[in-house]
Protein backbone atom coordinates (compact mmCIF):
# COMPACT_ATOMS: atom_id res chain seq x y z
CA MET A 1 88.13 -53.55 -102.38
CA SER A 2 88.14 -54.81 -98.78
CA THR A 3 85.31 -53.64 -96.55
CA LEU A 4 87.37 -54.18 -93.40
CA PRO A 5 88.20 -51.08 -91.33
CA SER A 6 91.52 -49.31 -91.93
CA VAL A 7 94.08 -49.28 -89.12
CA LEU A 8 97.17 -47.23 -88.31
CA VAL A 9 99.66 -49.19 -86.23
CA ILE A 10 101.73 -46.93 -83.94
CA ILE A 11 104.96 -48.30 -82.46
CA VAL A 12 107.33 -46.28 -80.27
CA THR A 13 110.93 -47.42 -79.94
CA TRP A 14 114.19 -46.36 -78.37
CA ASN A 15 117.40 -48.36 -78.82
CA LYS A 16 115.64 -51.68 -79.36
CA LYS A 17 116.49 -52.31 -82.99
CA SER A 18 116.28 -56.11 -82.94
CA TYR A 19 112.99 -56.07 -81.01
CA VAL A 20 111.21 -53.70 -83.35
CA VAL A 21 112.51 -55.58 -86.40
CA ASP A 22 111.08 -58.82 -84.98
CA LEU A 23 107.77 -57.08 -84.30
CA LEU A 24 107.56 -55.67 -87.83
CA ASN A 25 108.27 -59.11 -89.27
CA SER A 26 105.50 -60.60 -87.14
CA LEU A 27 103.03 -57.95 -88.31
CA GLN A 28 103.49 -59.23 -91.85
CA LYS A 29 102.08 -62.60 -90.68
CA LEU A 30 98.86 -61.16 -89.27
CA SER A 31 95.58 -62.64 -90.48
CA TYR A 32 94.32 -59.06 -90.96
CA PRO A 33 94.76 -58.00 -94.62
CA VAL A 34 98.04 -56.15 -95.03
CA GLU A 35 96.44 -53.62 -97.39
CA GLN A 36 94.10 -52.53 -94.58
CA PHE A 37 96.75 -51.30 -92.16
CA ASP A 38 99.70 -48.91 -92.27
CA VAL A 39 102.60 -48.98 -89.85
CA LEU A 40 104.16 -45.94 -88.21
CA VAL A 41 107.30 -46.26 -86.09
CA VAL A 42 108.24 -43.32 -83.89
CA ASP A 43 111.96 -43.49 -83.13
CA ASN A 44 112.85 -41.63 -79.94
CA ALA A 45 116.34 -40.58 -81.07
CA SER A 46 117.83 -44.08 -80.94
CA ASN A 47 121.59 -44.30 -81.39
CA ASP A 48 121.70 -47.98 -82.32
CA GLY A 49 120.88 -47.47 -86.02
CA THR A 50 117.17 -48.26 -85.66
CA ALA A 51 115.92 -45.61 -88.10
CA GLU A 52 118.49 -46.53 -90.76
CA VAL A 53 117.62 -50.24 -90.63
CA LEU A 54 113.88 -49.56 -90.77
CA LYS A 55 114.21 -47.28 -93.79
CA ARG A 56 116.41 -49.81 -95.58
CA ASP A 57 114.57 -53.05 -94.79
CA PHE A 58 110.99 -51.83 -94.35
CA PRO A 59 110.36 -49.20 -97.06
CA ASP A 60 106.57 -49.38 -96.57
CA VAL A 61 106.88 -48.42 -92.90
CA HIS A 62 106.60 -44.72 -92.14
CA VAL A 63 109.30 -43.61 -89.68
CA ILE A 64 109.22 -40.39 -87.65
CA GLU A 65 112.51 -39.54 -85.93
CA ASN A 66 112.22 -37.44 -82.79
CA SER A 67 115.23 -35.25 -82.06
CA GLU A 68 115.38 -36.48 -78.45
CA ASN A 69 114.03 -39.28 -76.29
CA LEU A 70 110.53 -38.13 -75.35
CA GLY A 71 109.64 -41.32 -73.50
CA GLY A 72 106.57 -43.40 -74.12
CA THR A 73 104.36 -40.36 -73.60
CA GLY A 74 106.10 -38.15 -76.13
CA GLY A 75 106.58 -41.00 -78.58
CA PHE A 76 102.93 -42.02 -78.63
CA ASN A 77 101.86 -38.39 -78.69
CA THR A 78 104.00 -37.96 -81.81
CA GLY A 79 102.19 -40.90 -83.38
CA LEU A 80 98.77 -39.72 -82.25
CA GLN A 81 99.40 -36.20 -83.55
CA TYR A 82 100.36 -37.70 -86.92
CA ALA A 83 97.10 -39.68 -86.93
CA PHE A 84 95.04 -36.62 -85.99
CA GLU A 85 96.52 -34.71 -88.95
CA GLN A 86 95.45 -37.31 -91.52
CA PRO A 87 92.39 -36.71 -93.73
CA GLU A 88 89.09 -37.42 -92.02
CA GLY A 89 88.19 -41.08 -92.29
CA LYS A 90 91.58 -42.30 -93.51
CA TYR A 91 91.90 -44.54 -90.45
CA ASP A 92 89.05 -46.11 -88.55
CA TYR A 93 91.24 -47.42 -85.74
CA LEU A 94 94.65 -46.83 -84.15
CA TRP A 95 96.63 -49.79 -82.78
CA LEU A 96 99.21 -48.81 -80.14
CA LEU A 97 101.95 -51.40 -79.63
CA ASP A 98 105.02 -51.75 -77.41
CA ASN A 99 108.15 -52.28 -79.47
CA ASP A 100 109.19 -55.45 -77.63
CA VAL A 101 106.01 -57.52 -77.81
CA GLN A 102 105.28 -60.52 -79.97
CA VAL A 103 101.77 -60.68 -81.40
CA HIS A 104 99.58 -63.66 -82.22
CA TYR A 105 98.56 -63.82 -85.87
CA ASN A 106 94.91 -63.18 -84.92
CA ALA A 107 95.68 -60.39 -82.43
CA LEU A 108 94.45 -57.50 -84.57
CA SER A 109 91.55 -59.32 -86.25
CA GLU A 110 90.00 -60.26 -82.92
CA LEU A 111 90.25 -56.71 -81.56
CA ILE A 112 88.66 -55.22 -84.67
CA ASP A 113 85.86 -57.84 -84.56
CA LEU A 114 85.18 -56.91 -80.94
CA LEU A 115 85.03 -53.18 -81.65
CA GLU A 116 82.85 -53.65 -84.72
CA SER A 117 80.35 -55.70 -82.73
CA GLU A 118 80.24 -53.41 -79.66
CA GLN A 119 79.62 -49.84 -80.82
CA ASP A 120 79.81 -48.30 -77.33
CA VAL A 121 83.30 -49.74 -76.77
CA ALA A 122 86.09 -47.28 -77.56
CA ILE A 123 89.14 -49.33 -76.58
CA ALA A 124 89.85 -53.03 -77.00
CA GLY A 125 93.03 -54.68 -75.79
CA SER A 126 94.85 -57.97 -76.04
CA THR A 127 95.47 -60.41 -73.23
CA MET A 128 99.14 -60.04 -72.31
CA MET A 129 100.93 -63.35 -71.85
CA GLN A 130 104.40 -63.79 -70.35
CA LEU A 131 107.21 -64.14 -72.85
CA THR A 132 109.30 -66.28 -70.49
CA THR A 133 106.40 -68.62 -69.66
CA PRO A 134 104.18 -68.29 -72.74
CA TRP A 135 101.22 -70.23 -71.27
CA ARG A 136 100.98 -67.86 -68.27
CA ILE A 137 98.85 -64.71 -68.24
CA ASN A 138 100.53 -61.48 -67.22
CA GLU A 139 97.33 -59.46 -67.38
CA MET A 140 93.92 -59.68 -68.98
CA GLY A 141 93.28 -55.98 -68.73
CA ALA A 142 93.27 -54.32 -65.33
CA TYR A 143 91.23 -52.36 -62.83
CA VAL A 144 92.29 -49.10 -61.19
CA ASP A 145 92.06 -48.83 -57.42
CA LEU A 146 91.66 -45.07 -57.13
CA GLY A 147 91.45 -45.30 -53.35
CA ARG A 148 94.99 -46.69 -53.01
CA GLY A 149 96.51 -45.59 -56.32
CA ARG A 150 97.27 -49.09 -57.57
CA LEU A 151 96.54 -51.28 -60.55
CA GLU A 152 94.80 -54.62 -60.06
CA LEU A 153 95.90 -56.83 -62.94
CA ASN A 154 93.14 -59.18 -64.04
CA ARG A 155 94.06 -62.91 -63.83
CA HIS A 156 97.68 -61.98 -63.12
CA GLN A 157 100.10 -64.94 -63.33
CA GLU A 158 97.32 -67.46 -63.96
CA ASP A 159 98.44 -70.51 -65.94
CA VAL A 160 96.23 -71.51 -68.85
CA SER A 161 95.24 -75.16 -68.63
CA GLY A 162 95.96 -77.00 -71.84
CA LEU A 163 98.70 -74.63 -72.99
CA GLU A 164 101.35 -75.55 -70.40
CA GLY A 165 104.68 -76.57 -71.84
CA LYS A 166 103.94 -75.35 -75.36
CA THR A 167 106.55 -73.18 -77.00
CA LEU A 168 105.91 -69.66 -78.21
CA GLU A 169 106.22 -70.87 -81.81
CA GLN A 170 103.54 -73.51 -81.24
CA LEU A 171 101.20 -70.99 -79.65
CA HIS A 172 101.74 -68.50 -82.46
CA GLU A 173 100.44 -71.04 -84.94
CA SER A 174 97.41 -72.16 -82.89
CA ASP A 175 93.89 -70.79 -82.80
CA ILE A 176 93.47 -69.80 -79.15
CA ASP A 177 90.40 -68.68 -77.24
CA LEU A 178 91.35 -68.44 -73.57
CA SER A 179 87.68 -68.50 -72.56
CA GLU A 180 87.69 -72.18 -73.57
CA HIS A 181 90.59 -72.92 -71.21
CA LEU A 182 89.81 -70.77 -68.17
CA LYS A 183 86.99 -70.99 -65.65
CA HIS A 184 84.60 -68.04 -65.44
CA CYS A 185 86.12 -66.37 -68.48
CA ARG A 186 84.18 -64.89 -71.39
CA PRO A 187 85.62 -64.20 -74.86
CA SER A 188 85.63 -60.49 -73.96
CA MET A 189 85.02 -58.55 -70.77
CA ASP A 190 84.84 -55.00 -69.46
CA VAL A 191 87.88 -53.61 -67.67
CA GLU A 192 89.08 -50.15 -66.65
CA TYR A 193 92.54 -50.15 -68.16
CA ILE A 194 94.30 -51.57 -71.20
CA ALA A 195 98.06 -51.23 -71.46
CA ALA A 196 99.42 -49.58 -74.59
CA ALA A 197 101.38 -52.77 -75.17
CA SER A 198 98.43 -53.69 -77.44
CA LEU A 199 95.56 -51.22 -77.43
CA VAL A 200 93.16 -50.53 -80.32
CA ILE A 201 91.08 -47.36 -80.13
CA ARG A 202 88.54 -45.78 -82.45
CA ALA A 203 90.36 -42.99 -84.30
CA GLN A 204 87.55 -40.48 -83.77
CA VAL A 205 87.43 -41.15 -80.02
CA ALA A 206 91.21 -40.81 -79.74
CA LYS A 207 91.09 -37.42 -81.47
CA LYS A 208 88.24 -36.30 -79.21
CA ALA A 209 90.09 -37.42 -76.08
CA GLY A 210 93.31 -35.68 -77.13
CA LEU A 211 96.96 -36.37 -76.43
CA TRP A 212 98.40 -38.07 -73.38
CA ASP A 213 99.34 -36.01 -70.33
CA ASP A 214 103.07 -35.27 -70.14
CA TYR A 215 104.20 -38.07 -67.81
CA PHE A 216 107.24 -39.17 -69.89
CA ILE A 217 106.57 -42.83 -69.04
CA HIS A 218 104.15 -44.86 -66.89
CA TYR A 219 100.55 -44.13 -65.93
CA ASP A 220 100.08 -42.09 -69.11
CA ASP A 221 97.99 -44.83 -70.75
CA VAL A 222 96.16 -45.42 -67.43
CA GLU A 223 95.08 -41.78 -67.27
CA TRP A 224 94.03 -41.88 -70.95
CA CYS A 225 91.80 -44.91 -70.35
CA LEU A 226 90.17 -43.25 -67.33
CA ARG A 227 89.66 -40.07 -69.36
CA ILE A 228 87.97 -41.98 -72.18
CA ALA A 229 85.77 -43.90 -69.73
CA ARG A 230 84.64 -40.55 -68.31
CA MET A 231 83.51 -39.65 -71.83
CA GLY A 232 80.99 -42.48 -71.57
CA TYR A 233 82.77 -45.24 -73.47
CA ARG A 234 83.46 -48.82 -72.45
CA ILE A 235 86.88 -50.49 -72.40
CA MET A 236 87.18 -54.21 -73.07
CA VAL A 237 89.82 -56.92 -73.19
CA SER A 238 89.73 -59.89 -75.53
CA ALA A 239 90.50 -63.48 -74.52
CA ARG A 240 91.00 -64.26 -78.21
CA SER A 241 93.64 -61.61 -78.94
CA LEU A 242 97.04 -62.48 -77.47
CA ILE A 243 100.43 -60.85 -77.23
CA TRP A 244 103.56 -61.90 -75.35
CA HIS A 245 105.62 -59.51 -73.27
CA LEU A 246 108.50 -59.81 -70.82
CA PRO A 247 106.97 -59.84 -67.31
CA ALA A 248 107.65 -56.87 -65.08
CA ASP A 249 109.26 -59.18 -62.51
CA TYR A 250 112.27 -59.46 -64.83
CA LYS A 251 112.81 -55.71 -64.89
CA VAL A 252 114.14 -54.51 -61.56
CA PRO A 253 112.80 -50.98 -60.99
CA THR A 254 115.41 -48.28 -60.48
CA TRP A 255 114.98 -44.89 -62.15
CA VAL A 256 111.41 -45.70 -63.24
CA LEU A 257 110.36 -45.59 -59.59
CA TYR A 258 110.45 -41.81 -59.81
CA TYR A 259 107.89 -41.75 -62.63
CA ASP A 260 105.70 -44.43 -61.07
CA ASN A 261 105.36 -42.48 -57.84
CA ARG A 262 105.13 -38.97 -59.28
CA ASN A 263 102.68 -39.82 -62.04
CA VAL A 264 100.28 -41.83 -59.91
CA LEU A 265 99.75 -38.69 -57.83
CA TYR A 266 98.88 -36.66 -60.93
CA MET A 267 96.52 -39.41 -62.09
CA LEU A 268 94.79 -39.54 -58.71
CA GLU A 269 94.49 -35.77 -58.48
CA LYS A 270 92.66 -35.77 -61.80
CA HIS A 271 90.42 -38.80 -61.30
CA ALA A 272 90.12 -39.47 -57.55
CA GLY A 273 90.57 -36.35 -55.45
CA PRO A 274 92.69 -35.04 -52.56
CA GLY A 275 91.90 -37.85 -50.10
CA SER A 276 93.36 -40.50 -52.35
CA VAL A 277 96.37 -38.33 -53.15
CA LYS A 278 97.11 -37.86 -49.44
CA GLY A 279 96.91 -41.57 -48.68
CA THR A 280 99.07 -42.55 -51.65
CA ARG A 281 101.61 -39.89 -50.79
CA SER A 282 101.99 -41.40 -47.33
CA TRP A 283 102.41 -44.84 -48.87
CA ILE A 284 105.19 -43.51 -51.13
CA LYS A 285 107.03 -42.18 -48.07
CA LYS A 286 106.78 -45.57 -46.38
CA LYS A 287 108.30 -47.16 -49.46
CA SER A 288 111.17 -44.68 -49.33
CA LEU A 289 111.86 -45.80 -45.76
CA TYR A 290 111.83 -49.44 -46.89
CA TYR A 291 114.44 -48.73 -49.58
CA THR A 292 116.55 -46.93 -47.01
CA LEU A 293 116.52 -50.00 -44.78
CA LEU A 294 117.56 -52.10 -47.77
CA GLY A 295 120.57 -49.83 -48.25
CA LYS A 296 119.27 -48.43 -51.54
CA ARG A 297 119.50 -44.77 -50.63
CA ASP A 298 119.30 -43.52 -54.22
CA LEU A 299 115.96 -45.28 -54.76
CA ALA A 300 114.69 -44.02 -51.41
CA ARG A 301 115.61 -40.52 -52.53
CA LEU A 302 113.70 -40.95 -55.81
CA HIS A 303 110.47 -41.58 -53.90
CA LEU A 304 110.80 -38.33 -51.97
CA GLU A 305 111.81 -36.41 -55.11
CA ALA A 306 108.68 -37.73 -56.80
CA ILE A 307 106.54 -36.18 -54.07
CA GLN A 308 108.48 -32.92 -54.11
CA ASP A 309 108.22 -32.56 -57.88
CA TYR A 310 104.51 -33.35 -57.78
CA GLU A 311 104.04 -30.58 -55.23
CA GLN A 312 105.96 -28.24 -57.54
CA LYS A 313 103.87 -29.35 -60.56
CA LYS A 314 106.86 -30.68 -62.50
CA THR A 315 106.03 -33.05 -65.34
CA GLY A 316 107.87 -34.62 -68.27
CA LYS A 317 111.38 -35.98 -68.20
CA LYS A 318 113.67 -35.61 -65.19
CA ASP A 319 117.46 -35.91 -65.09
CA ILE A 320 117.80 -38.79 -62.64
CA VAL A 321 121.06 -39.52 -60.85
CA LEU A 322 121.64 -42.93 -59.27
CA ASP A 323 124.47 -44.02 -57.00
CA ASP A 324 127.49 -45.59 -58.69
CA CYS A 325 126.74 -49.11 -57.50
CA TYR A 326 125.38 -51.02 -60.49
CA TYR A 327 127.58 -53.92 -61.57
CA SER A 328 127.88 -56.06 -64.65
CA LEU A 329 128.50 -59.76 -64.11
CA LEU A 330 132.18 -59.24 -64.97
CA GLU A 331 132.48 -56.73 -62.14
CA VAL A 332 130.90 -59.23 -59.74
CA GLU A 333 133.72 -61.64 -60.56
CA LYS A 334 136.26 -58.96 -59.62
CA LEU A 335 134.38 -58.30 -56.36
CA LEU A 336 134.63 -61.96 -55.37
CA GLN A 337 138.41 -61.79 -55.81
CA GLU A 338 138.82 -59.05 -53.18
CA GLU A 339 140.84 -60.10 -50.13
CA GLY A 340 138.30 -58.62 -47.75
CA ILE A 341 135.61 -60.97 -49.05
CA LYS A 342 136.15 -64.34 -47.34
CA ARG A 343 132.74 -65.37 -46.00
CA ILE A 344 129.64 -65.19 -48.20
CA LEU A 345 126.01 -66.02 -47.40
CA ILE A 346 123.52 -66.85 -50.17
CA PRO A 347 119.81 -67.27 -49.25
CA TRP A 348 117.44 -69.56 -51.16
CA THR A 349 115.70 -66.57 -52.76
CA VAL A 350 118.71 -65.95 -55.03
CA ASN A 351 118.50 -67.89 -58.30
CA LEU A 352 122.17 -68.30 -59.20
CA GLN A 353 121.45 -70.00 -62.52
CA ALA A 354 118.99 -67.40 -63.81
CA SER A 355 121.37 -64.64 -62.64
CA ASN A 356 124.29 -66.32 -64.48
CA LEU A 357 126.33 -66.28 -61.26
CA GLN A 358 126.59 -69.98 -60.53
CA SER A 359 129.59 -70.61 -62.83
CA THR A 360 131.26 -67.43 -61.54
CA LEU A 361 131.00 -68.63 -57.94
CA VAL A 362 132.18 -72.16 -58.76
CA LYS A 363 135.17 -70.75 -60.62
CA THR A 364 136.07 -68.38 -57.78
CA MET A 365 135.74 -71.09 -55.10
CA LYS A 366 138.18 -73.29 -57.03
CA ILE A 367 140.72 -70.46 -57.25
CA ARG A 368 140.33 -69.21 -53.67
CA SER A 369 140.77 -71.88 -51.03
CA ASP A 370 140.16 -69.26 -48.31
CA LEU A 371 136.67 -68.40 -49.59
CA HIS A 372 133.84 -69.88 -47.54
CA VAL A 373 130.29 -69.84 -48.93
CA ASP A 374 127.19 -70.75 -46.93
CA TYR A 375 123.79 -71.44 -48.43
CA LEU A 376 120.69 -70.55 -46.42
CA VAL A 377 118.28 -73.47 -46.86
CA PRO A 378 114.60 -72.53 -47.32
CA PRO A 379 112.24 -73.14 -44.39
CA PRO A 380 110.35 -76.47 -44.52
CA PHE A 381 107.04 -74.90 -45.56
CA LEU A 382 108.57 -73.58 -48.81
CA LYS A 383 108.43 -76.90 -50.63
CA ASP A 384 108.80 -75.42 -54.13
CA ALA A 385 111.76 -73.16 -53.30
CA LEU A 386 114.94 -73.49 -55.32
CA LEU A 387 117.76 -75.52 -53.82
CA CYS A 388 121.37 -74.45 -54.16
CA GLN A 389 123.55 -76.36 -56.60
CA LEU A 390 126.91 -74.98 -55.55
CA PRO A 391 129.60 -77.62 -54.85
CA GLY A 392 131.48 -76.99 -51.63
CA ALA A 393 128.96 -74.63 -50.09
CA GLY A 394 127.91 -75.11 -46.47
CA SER A 395 124.24 -75.38 -45.50
CA LEU A 396 122.45 -73.31 -42.88
CA HIS A 397 118.92 -74.19 -41.78
CA VAL A 398 116.46 -71.67 -40.35
CA PRO A 399 113.34 -72.34 -38.24
CA ALA A 400 109.89 -72.40 -39.82
CA GLY A 401 108.32 -69.93 -37.36
CA ARG A 402 108.62 -66.30 -38.37
CA ILE A 403 109.71 -64.94 -34.97
CA ARG A 404 112.27 -67.70 -34.45
CA ARG A 405 113.50 -67.15 -37.99
CA MET A 406 113.98 -63.44 -37.35
CA LEU A 407 115.95 -64.20 -34.19
CA ALA A 408 118.13 -66.60 -36.17
CA TYR A 409 118.89 -63.83 -38.65
CA LEU A 410 119.82 -61.46 -35.83
CA ARG A 411 122.27 -64.00 -34.39
CA MET A 412 124.10 -63.99 -37.74
CA ARG A 413 124.92 -60.29 -37.44
CA ASN A 414 128.42 -59.44 -38.76
CA LYS A 415 129.32 -63.08 -39.40
CA TYR A 416 129.81 -62.54 -43.15
CA ASP A 417 131.71 -60.16 -45.39
CA LEU A 418 129.15 -60.27 -48.19
CA ILE A 419 125.56 -61.39 -48.54
CA PHE A 420 123.75 -62.00 -51.80
CA GLN A 421 120.19 -60.70 -51.89
CA SER A 422 117.57 -61.23 -54.57
CA ASP A 423 116.34 -58.00 -56.12
CA TYR A 424 113.00 -59.73 -56.62
CA GLN A 425 112.59 -61.11 -53.09
CA PRO A 426 114.96 -59.46 -50.58
CA ILE A 427 114.91 -60.65 -46.96
CA LEU A 428 115.28 -57.40 -45.05
CA PRO A 429 116.71 -58.74 -41.72
CA LEU A 430 119.53 -60.49 -43.58
CA ASN A 431 121.04 -57.09 -44.35
CA LEU A 432 122.44 -57.22 -40.81
CA VAL A 433 124.71 -60.20 -41.43
CA ALA A 434 127.27 -58.39 -43.60
CA LYS A 435 128.56 -54.90 -44.29
CA LYS A 436 128.29 -55.41 -48.04
CA ILE A 437 125.11 -56.50 -49.81
CA LEU A 438 125.07 -57.65 -53.43
CA PHE A 439 121.57 -57.40 -54.87
CA VAL A 440 121.34 -59.66 -57.93
CA ASN A 441 118.80 -59.96 -60.71
CA TYR A 442 118.65 -61.50 -64.16
CA GLU A 443 120.46 -58.60 -65.84
CA GLY A 444 123.12 -57.50 -63.37
CA ALA A 445 123.76 -56.58 -59.76
CA SER A 446 124.16 -53.65 -57.41
CA LEU A 447 126.57 -53.50 -54.50
CA ARG A 448 125.25 -51.72 -51.43
CA LEU A 449 126.60 -50.97 -48.00
CA ARG A 450 124.58 -51.95 -44.97
CA PRO A 451 122.79 -48.84 -43.70
CA SER A 452 124.21 -47.63 -40.41
CA LEU A 453 121.98 -46.93 -37.44
CA LYS A 454 123.10 -43.28 -37.54
CA MET A 455 122.07 -42.98 -41.18
CA ILE A 456 118.70 -44.63 -40.54
CA VAL A 457 117.95 -42.29 -37.61
CA LYS A 458 118.95 -39.29 -39.71
CA PHE A 459 116.69 -40.39 -42.55
CA ILE A 460 113.73 -41.03 -40.22
CA ARG A 461 114.09 -37.56 -38.71
CA SER A 462 114.16 -36.02 -42.17
CA PHE A 463 111.25 -38.23 -43.17
CA LEU A 464 109.10 -37.13 -40.21
CA LYS A 465 110.01 -33.48 -40.70
CA GLN A 466 109.13 -33.60 -44.38
CA ARG A 467 105.96 -35.55 -43.66
CA GLY A 468 104.64 -32.75 -41.52
CA GLY A 469 105.35 -30.21 -44.22
CA LEU A 470 103.95 -32.22 -47.11
CA ASP A 471 100.85 -33.56 -45.43
CA SER A 472 99.76 -30.29 -43.88
């Protein structure tokens, strides 16, 4: 009989069949003895056949099917409730995992070793690496700035010397201790927050702390960590336990903005106090104004709805309605065929290759002799910026100085029919150059209309009126 602690692995999934199958296969390769852990998958009413595949191909995995999508909060609460109902002592630890992560073969063993050696530590988490750049850290735990309502990711986007260029497969098979590669890094360290992408917690502490607050998604695991720290326990991250996850930069926030902004207010109310809530609420309003200036009125509206619903004590899932402006790449090709689109500006911030739009533009330019495309060359100080590889495109240079650059943008007003903007790095003044703005990312695009001065003034008036009412 093994003397190693017993673990219940809890995975929540919704319509990510291939991801969760890959994760389950990787769990079978863990160095931790398979007889010492059970796997529970909570399926949030997926309609892609997830539950059927899991029952057929993974008979040893316990599957709970929720009747509706309860979000990450409801899904993990389903798993936690199942764990709490088990006989006392059946599981020593609970391992919460995102369904779309890939885990190193030593990920669980290192977390259990850490918890067994540090009895006042309740939670241990893995270092999250970036799936797209597997030698780059996404976060090594995080700290919570309760004054501003923000997360400070530890060692965010730091490259690990000695691992650069190695493939994910090579890293999976290597023994890795990041403390041997990074300066001023210990094998484990205290933090304030561990994401539920890979979080191991003592089963007894989890039961004592109770279920997650009903946030639906986002900030639920942050609040739980703060709650457990208030109980007197430490939270640590391991530099020897690694997982890989798609970086947040690749996921353009749309509907999740509502939950981010609403839930941070609930978290601050519980753990920081009214002063922090007031300051963060003002910051949320400023962000809503920013999205209005971008032309993303639906996202601006979500910020204000988040505040309103917080004031009305609404929690859980919300029926979110977005404007009908989100395009697939096929629809972008149709847009470029429109007669009214004859002059297009593309700034250096738009990565045409990563967005899969380069071939579409080349094809369209060959078909349409009347289509003129200009490329905005990056300023001289941006030496590492991407250069356009679009045959036939004209080049526009902008000054290095910020003020002169802004004036150059203003002089371009109304010279184009369409401007491409990066969803990851939009240049706000460039919205003036065209009536139509195509925001592009690595998954799709959204077509927006340039906000009119009348609309902006109307929004600001509403903003100021609401500000007085909400901040009083």
